[in-house]
Amino acid sequence: MEVAPGFPTVVPVRDSKAPGGPVLLVSRAAWAAFTSALH
C-alpha cells in the first residue's frame, strides 16, 4: 500500500504492487481514524 502526500483534503491510496491500478481516495478524517486504530 502506498499513500501520496500533498493533497489537502484526501489521502490517495494505491496498491504498491500494482501502481497502475485504481486509486482509493480517503478523507483526511477517515485516514486519521484508520491509522489511529492501527496503533
Foldseek 3Di string as FASTA:
>chain_A
DDWDPDDDFWIWDDDPVCVVDDIDTHGPVVVVVVVVVVD
